[in-house]
Amino acid sequence: MTSPLILRGRGTTAHFEGRSVLLEQNGTHRHIPVRAIQEVRAAGARGTQPRSS
């Protein structure tokens, strides 16, 4: 089974769903096709390890 990739920031969450990204930003939801994305940046990001089951 594959774990979902979810990115979170201040007021923004991005869920990768197949061929699109669901962007939740301050109460607004947008589906963005992966082909339309030119660049992704994570400024000041710090990673966390997924929890073991």
PDB file of N, CA and C in Angstrom:
ATOM      1  N   MET A   1       0.841  -1.188   0.000  1.00  0.00           N
ATOM      2  CA  MET A   1       0.000   0.000   0.000  1.00  0.00           C
ATOM      3  C   MET A   1       0.879   1.242   0.000  1.00  0.00           C
ATOM      4  N   THR A   2       0.487   2.247  -0.771  1.00  0.00           N
ATOM      5  CA  THR A   2       1.244   3.476  -0.883  1.00  0.00           C
ATOM      6  C   THR A   2       0.693   4.530   0.065  1.00  0.00           C
ATOM      7  N   SER A   3       1.577   5.226   0.761  1.00  0.00           N
ATOM      8  CA  SER A   3       1.153   6.295   1.665  1.00  0.00           C
ATOM      9  C   SER A   3       0.872   7.555   0.858  1.00  0.00           C
ATOM     10  N   PRO A   4      -0.154   8.306   1.235  1.00  0.00           N
ATOM     11  CA  PRO A   4      -0.438   9.559   0.518  1.00  0.00           C
ATOM     12  C   PRO A   4       0.628  10.607   0.836  1.00  0.00           C
ATOM     13  N   LEU A   5       0.850  11.502  -0.102  1.00  0.00           N
ATOM     14  CA  LEU A   5       1.780  12.606   0.108  1.00  0.00           C
ATOM     15  C   LEU A   5       0.957  13.847   0.398  1.00  0.00           C
ATOM     16  N   ILE A   6       1.153  14.394   1.581  1.00  0.00           N
ATOM     17  CA  ILE A   6       0.421  15.580   2.006  1.00  0.00           C
ATOM     18  C   ILE A   6       1.436  16.601   2.490  1.00  0.00           C
ATOM     19  N   LEU A   7       1.348  17.816   1.976  1.00  0.00           N
ATOM     20  CA  LEU A   7       2.220  18.910   2.398  1.00  0.00           C
ATOM     21  C   LEU A   7       1.366  19.932   3.138  1.00  0.00           C
ATOM     22  N   ARG A   8       1.868  20.403   4.274  1.00  0.00           N
ATOM     23  CA  ARG A   8       1.120  21.378   5.069  1.00  0.00           C
ATOM     24  C   ARG A   8       1.991  22.585   5.360  1.00  0.00           C
ATOM     25  N   GLY A   9       1.360  23.734   5.370  1.00  0.00           N
ATOM     26  CA  GLY A   9       2.040  24.974   5.721  1.00  0.00           C
ATOM     27  C   GLY A   9       1.057  25.880   6.437  1.00  0.00           C
ATOM     28  N   ARG A  10       1.406  27.101   6.621  1.00  0.00           N
ATOM     29  CA  ARG A  10       0.533  28.055   7.308  1.00  0.00           C
ATOM     30  C   ARG A  10      -0.697  28.337   6.448  1.00  0.00           C
ATOM     31  N   GLY A  11      -1.821  27.753   6.817  1.00  0.00           N
ATOM     32  CA  GLY A  11      -3.071  27.999   6.099  1.00  0.00           C
ATOM     33  C   GLY A  11      -3.198  27.275   4.776  1.00  0.00           C
ATOM     34  N   THR A  12      -2.237  26.417   4.422  1.00  0.00           N
ATOM     35  CA  THR A  12      -2.261  25.732   3.130  1.00  0.00           C
ATOM     36  C   THR A  12      -1.953  24.254   3.307  1.00  0.00           C
ATOM     37  N   THR A  13      -2.713  23.412   2.607  1.00  0.00           N
ATOM     38  CA  THR A  13      -2.464  21.980   2.580  1.00  0.00           C
ATOM     39  C   THR A  13      -2.561  21.522   1.135  1.00  0.00           C
ATOM     40  N   ALA A  14      -1.637  20.679   0.694  1.00  0.00           N
ATOM     41  CA  ALA A  14      -1.667  20.123  -0.661  1.00  0.00           C
ATOM     42  C   ALA A  14      -1.681  18.606  -0.572  1.00  0.00           C
ATOM     43  N   HIS A  15      -2.685  17.989  -1.212  1.00  0.00           N
ATOM     44  CA  HIS A  15      -2.819  16.533  -1.268  1.00  0.00           C
ATOM     45  C   HIS A  15      -2.579  16.110  -2.712  1.00  0.00           C
ATOM     46  N   PHE A  16      -1.670  15.182  -2.930  1.00  0.00           N
ATOM     47  CA  PHE A  16      -1.439  14.675  -4.276  1.00  0.00           C
ATOM     48  C   PHE A  16      -2.391  13.518  -4.520  1.00  0.00           C
ATOM     49  N   GLU A  17      -3.261  13.655  -5.530  1.00  0.00           N
ATOM     50  CA  GLU A  17      -4.293  12.671  -5.835  1.00  0.00           C
ATOM     51  C   GLU A  17      -4.185  12.248  -7.297  1.00  0.00           C
ATOM     52  N   GLY A  18      -3.405  11.221  -7.565  1.00  0.00           N
ATOM     53  CA  GLY A  18      -3.289  10.738  -8.943  1.00  0.00           C
ATOM     54  C   GLY A  18      -2.664  11.770  -9.860  1.00  0.00           C
ATOM     55  N   ARG A  19      -3.452  12.293 -10.778  1.00  0.00           N
ATOM     56  CA  ARG A  19      -2.936  13.258 -11.761  1.00  0.00           C
ATOM     57  C   ARG A  19      -3.253  14.701 -11.428  1.00  0.00           C
ATOM     58  N   SER A  20      -3.676  14.960 -10.183  1.00  0.00           N
ATOM     59  CA  SER A  20      -3.955  16.330  -9.785  1.00  0.00           C
ATOM     60  C   SER A  20      -3.528  16.565  -8.336  1.00  0.00           C
ATOM     61  N   VAL A  21      -3.493  17.821  -7.980  1.00  0.00           N
ATOM     62  CA  VAL A  21      -3.163  18.238  -6.616  1.00  0.00           C
ATOM     63  C   VAL A  21      -4.386  18.967  -6.072  1.00  0.00           C
ATOM     64  N   LEU A  22      -4.828  18.569  -4.894  1.00  0.00           N
ATOM     65  CA  LEU A  22      -5.900  19.293  -4.226  1.00  0.00           C
ATOM     66  C   LEU A  22      -5.232  20.297  -3.304  1.00  0.00           C
ATOM     67  N   LEU A  23      -5.419  21.567  -3.592  1.00  0.00           N
ATOM     68  CA  LEU A  23      -4.823  22.641  -2.805  1.00  0.00           C
ATOM     69  C   LEU A  23      -5.921  23.258  -1.944  1.00  0.00           C
ATOM     70  N   GLU A  24      -5.748  23.183  -0.635  1.00  0.00           N
ATOM     71  CA  GLU A  24      -6.669  23.807   0.312  1.00  0.00           C
ATOM     72  C   GLU A  24      -5.947  25.005   0.901  1.00  0.00           C
ATOM     73  N   GLN A  25      -6.500  26.191   0.636  1.00  0.00           N
ATOM     74  CA  GLN A  25      -5.826  27.416   1.051  1.00  0.00           C
ATOM     75  C   GLN A  25      -6.841  28.377   1.653  1.00  0.00           C
ATOM     76  N   ASN A  26      -6.775  28.551   2.965  1.00  0.00           N
ATOM     77  CA  ASN A  26      -7.651  29.469   3.689  1.00  0.00           C
ATOM     78  C   ASN A  26      -9.124  29.256   3.353  1.00  0.00           C
ATOM     79  N   GLY A  27      -9.576  27.997   3.347  1.00  0.00           N
ATOM     80  CA  GLY A  27     -10.977  27.682   3.100  1.00  0.00           C
ATOM     81  C   GLY A  27     -11.351  27.481   1.642  1.00  0.00           C
ATOM     82  N   THR A  28     -10.444  27.748   0.716  1.00  0.00           N
ATOM     83  CA  THR A  28     -10.701  27.563  -0.712  1.00  0.00           C
ATOM     84  C   THR A  28     -10.065  26.263  -1.164  1.00  0.00           C
ATOM     85  N   HIS A  29     -10.809  25.460  -1.954  1.00  0.00           N
ATOM     86  CA  HIS A  29     -10.298  24.193  -2.480  1.00  0.00           C
ATOM     87  C   HIS A  29     -10.128  24.304  -3.993  1.00  0.00           C
ATOM     88  N   ARG A  30      -8.948  23.906  -4.484  1.00  0.00           N
ATOM     89  CA  ARG A  30      -8.684  23.941  -5.924  1.00  0.00           C
ATOM     90  C   ARG A  30      -8.057  22.623  -6.345  1.00  0.00           C
ATOM     91  N   HIS A  31      -8.513  22.086  -7.464  1.00  0.00           N
ATOM     92  CA  HIS A  31      -7.873  20.912  -8.068  1.00  0.00           C
ATOM     93  C   HIS A  31      -7.002  21.433  -9.205  1.00  0.00           C
ATOM     94  N   ILE A  32      -5.706  21.128  -9.149  1.00  0.00           N
ATOM     95  CA  ILE A  32      -4.757  21.601 -10.153  1.00  0.00           C
ATOM     96  C   ILE A  32      -4.157  20.384 -10.845  1.00  0.00           C
ATOM     97  N   PRO A  33      -4.280  20.284 -12.169  1.00  0.00           N
ATOM     98  CA  PRO A  33      -3.656  19.161 -12.874  1.00  0.00           C
ATOM     99  C   PRO A  33      -2.139  19.201 -12.711  1.00  0.00           C
ATOM    100  N   VAL A  34      -1.521  18.049 -12.490  1.00  0.00           N
ATOM    101  CA  VAL A  34      -0.072  17.978 -12.312  1.00  0.00           C
ATOM    102  C   VAL A  34       0.650  18.553 -13.527  1.00  0.00           C
ATOM    103  N   ARG A  35       0.106  18.326 -14.713  1.00  0.00           N
ATOM    104  CA  ARG A  35       0.739  18.831 -15.942  1.00  0.00           C
ATOM    105  C   ARG A  35       0.815  20.360 -15.970  1.00  0.00           C
ATOM    106  N   ALA A  36      -0.041  21.045 -15.212  1.00  0.00           N
ATOM    107  CA  ALA A  36      -0.061  22.512 -15.197  1.00  0.00           C
ATOM    108  C   ALA A  36       0.942  23.103 -14.205  1.00  0.00           C
ATOM    109  N   ILE A  37       1.545  22.270 -13.354  1.00  0.00           N
ATOM    110  CA  ILE A  37       2.467  22.763 -12.331  1.00  0.00           C
ATOM    111  C   ILE A  37       3.868  22.896 -12.917  1.00  0.00           C
ATOM    112  N   GLN A  38       4.426  24.089 -12.825  1.00  0.00           N
ATOM    113  CA  GLN A  38       5.758  24.345 -13.357  1.00  0.00           C
ATOM    114  C   GLN A  38       6.842  24.257 -12.298  1.00  0.00           C
ATOM    115  N   GLU A  39       6.501  24.581 -11.055  1.00  0.00           N
ATOM    116  CA  GLU A  39       7.514  24.621 -10.000  1.00  0.00           C
ATOM    117  C   GLU A  39       6.851  24.408  -8.641  1.00  0.00           C
ATOM    118  N   VAL A  40       7.564  23.744  -7.743  1.00  0.00           N
ATOM    119  CA  VAL A  40       7.119  23.561  -6.370  1.00  0.00           C
ATOM    120  C   VAL A  40       8.273  23.942  -5.462  1.00  0.00           C
ATOM    121  N   ARG A  41       7.995  24.798  -4.486  1.00  0.00           N
ATOM    122  CA  ARG A  41       9.027  25.197  -3.533  1.00  0.00           C
ATOM    123  C   ARG A  41       8.522  24.974  -2.121  1.00  0.00           C
ATOM    124  N   ALA A  42       9.417  24.594  -1.241  1.00  0.00           N
ATOM    125  CA  ALA A  42       9.097  24.426   0.179  1.00  0.00           C
ATOM    126  C   ALA A  42      10.114  25.232   0.974  1.00  0.00           C
ATOM    127  N   ALA A  43       9.788  26.470   1.250  1.00  0.00           N
ATOM    128  CA  ALA A  43      10.691  27.359   1.981  1.00  0.00           C
ATOM    129  C   ALA A  43      10.561  27.131   3.478  1.00  0.00           C
ATOM    130  N   GLY A  44      11.682  26.969   4.146  1.00  0.00           N
ATOM    131  CA  GLY A  44      11.681  26.800   5.585  1.00  0.00           C
ATOM    132  C   GLY A  44      11.039  25.507   6.044  1.00  0.00           C
ATOM    133  N   ALA A  45      11.004  24.525   5.165  1.00  0.00           N
ATOM    134  CA  ALA A  45      10.346  23.262   5.503  1.00  0.00           C
ATOM    135  C   ALA A  45      11.212  22.423   6.431  1.00  0.00           C
ATOM    136  N   ARG A  46      10.549  21.676   7.283  1.00  0.00           N
ATOM    137  CA  ARG A  46      11.244  20.698   8.104  1.00  0.00           C
ATOM    138  C   ARG A  46      10.439  19.413   7.994  1.00  0.00           C
ATOM    139  N   GLY A  47      11.103  18.349   7.758  1.00  0.00           N
ATOM    140  CA  GLY A  47      10.418  17.075   7.530  1.00  0.00           C
ATOM    141  C   GLY A  47      10.066  16.366   8.819  1.00  0.00           C
ATOM    142  N   THR A  48       9.039  15.544   8.725  1.00  0.00           N
ATOM    143  CA  THR A  48       8.670  14.672   9.834  1.00  0.00           C
ATOM    144  C   THR A  48       8.555  13.259   9.299  1.00  0.00           C
ATOM    145  N   GLN A  49       8.855  12.317  10.126  1.00  0.00           N
ATOM    146  CA  GLN A  49       8.771  10.912   9.720  1.00  0.00           C
ATOM    147  C   GLN A  49       7.361  10.404   9.951  1.00  0.00           C
ATOM    148  N   PRO A  50       6.838   9.595   9.029  1.00  0.00           N
ATOM    149  CA  PRO A  50       5.505   9.018   9.243  1.00  0.00           C
ATOM    150  C   PRO A  50       5.524   8.084  10.449  1.00  0.00           C
ATOM    151  N   ARG A  51       4.389   8.005  11.102  1.00  0.00           N
ATOM    152  CA  ARG A  51       4.262   7.120  12.263  1.00  0.00           C
ATOM    153  C   ARG A  51       4.176   5.669  11.824  1.00  0.00           C
ATOM    154  N   SER A  52       4.812   4.807  12.568  1.00  0.00           N
ATOM    155  CA  SER A  52       4.741   3.376  12.295  1.00  0.00           C
ATOM    156  C   SER A  52       3.455   2.811  12.864  1.00  0.00           C
ATOM    157  N   SER A  53       2.869   1.825  12.155  1.00  0.00           N
ATOM    158  CA  SER A  53       1.642   1.213  12.665  1.00  0.00           C
ATOM    159  C   SER A  53       1.960   0.021  13.514  1.00  0.00           C
TER     160      SER A  53
END
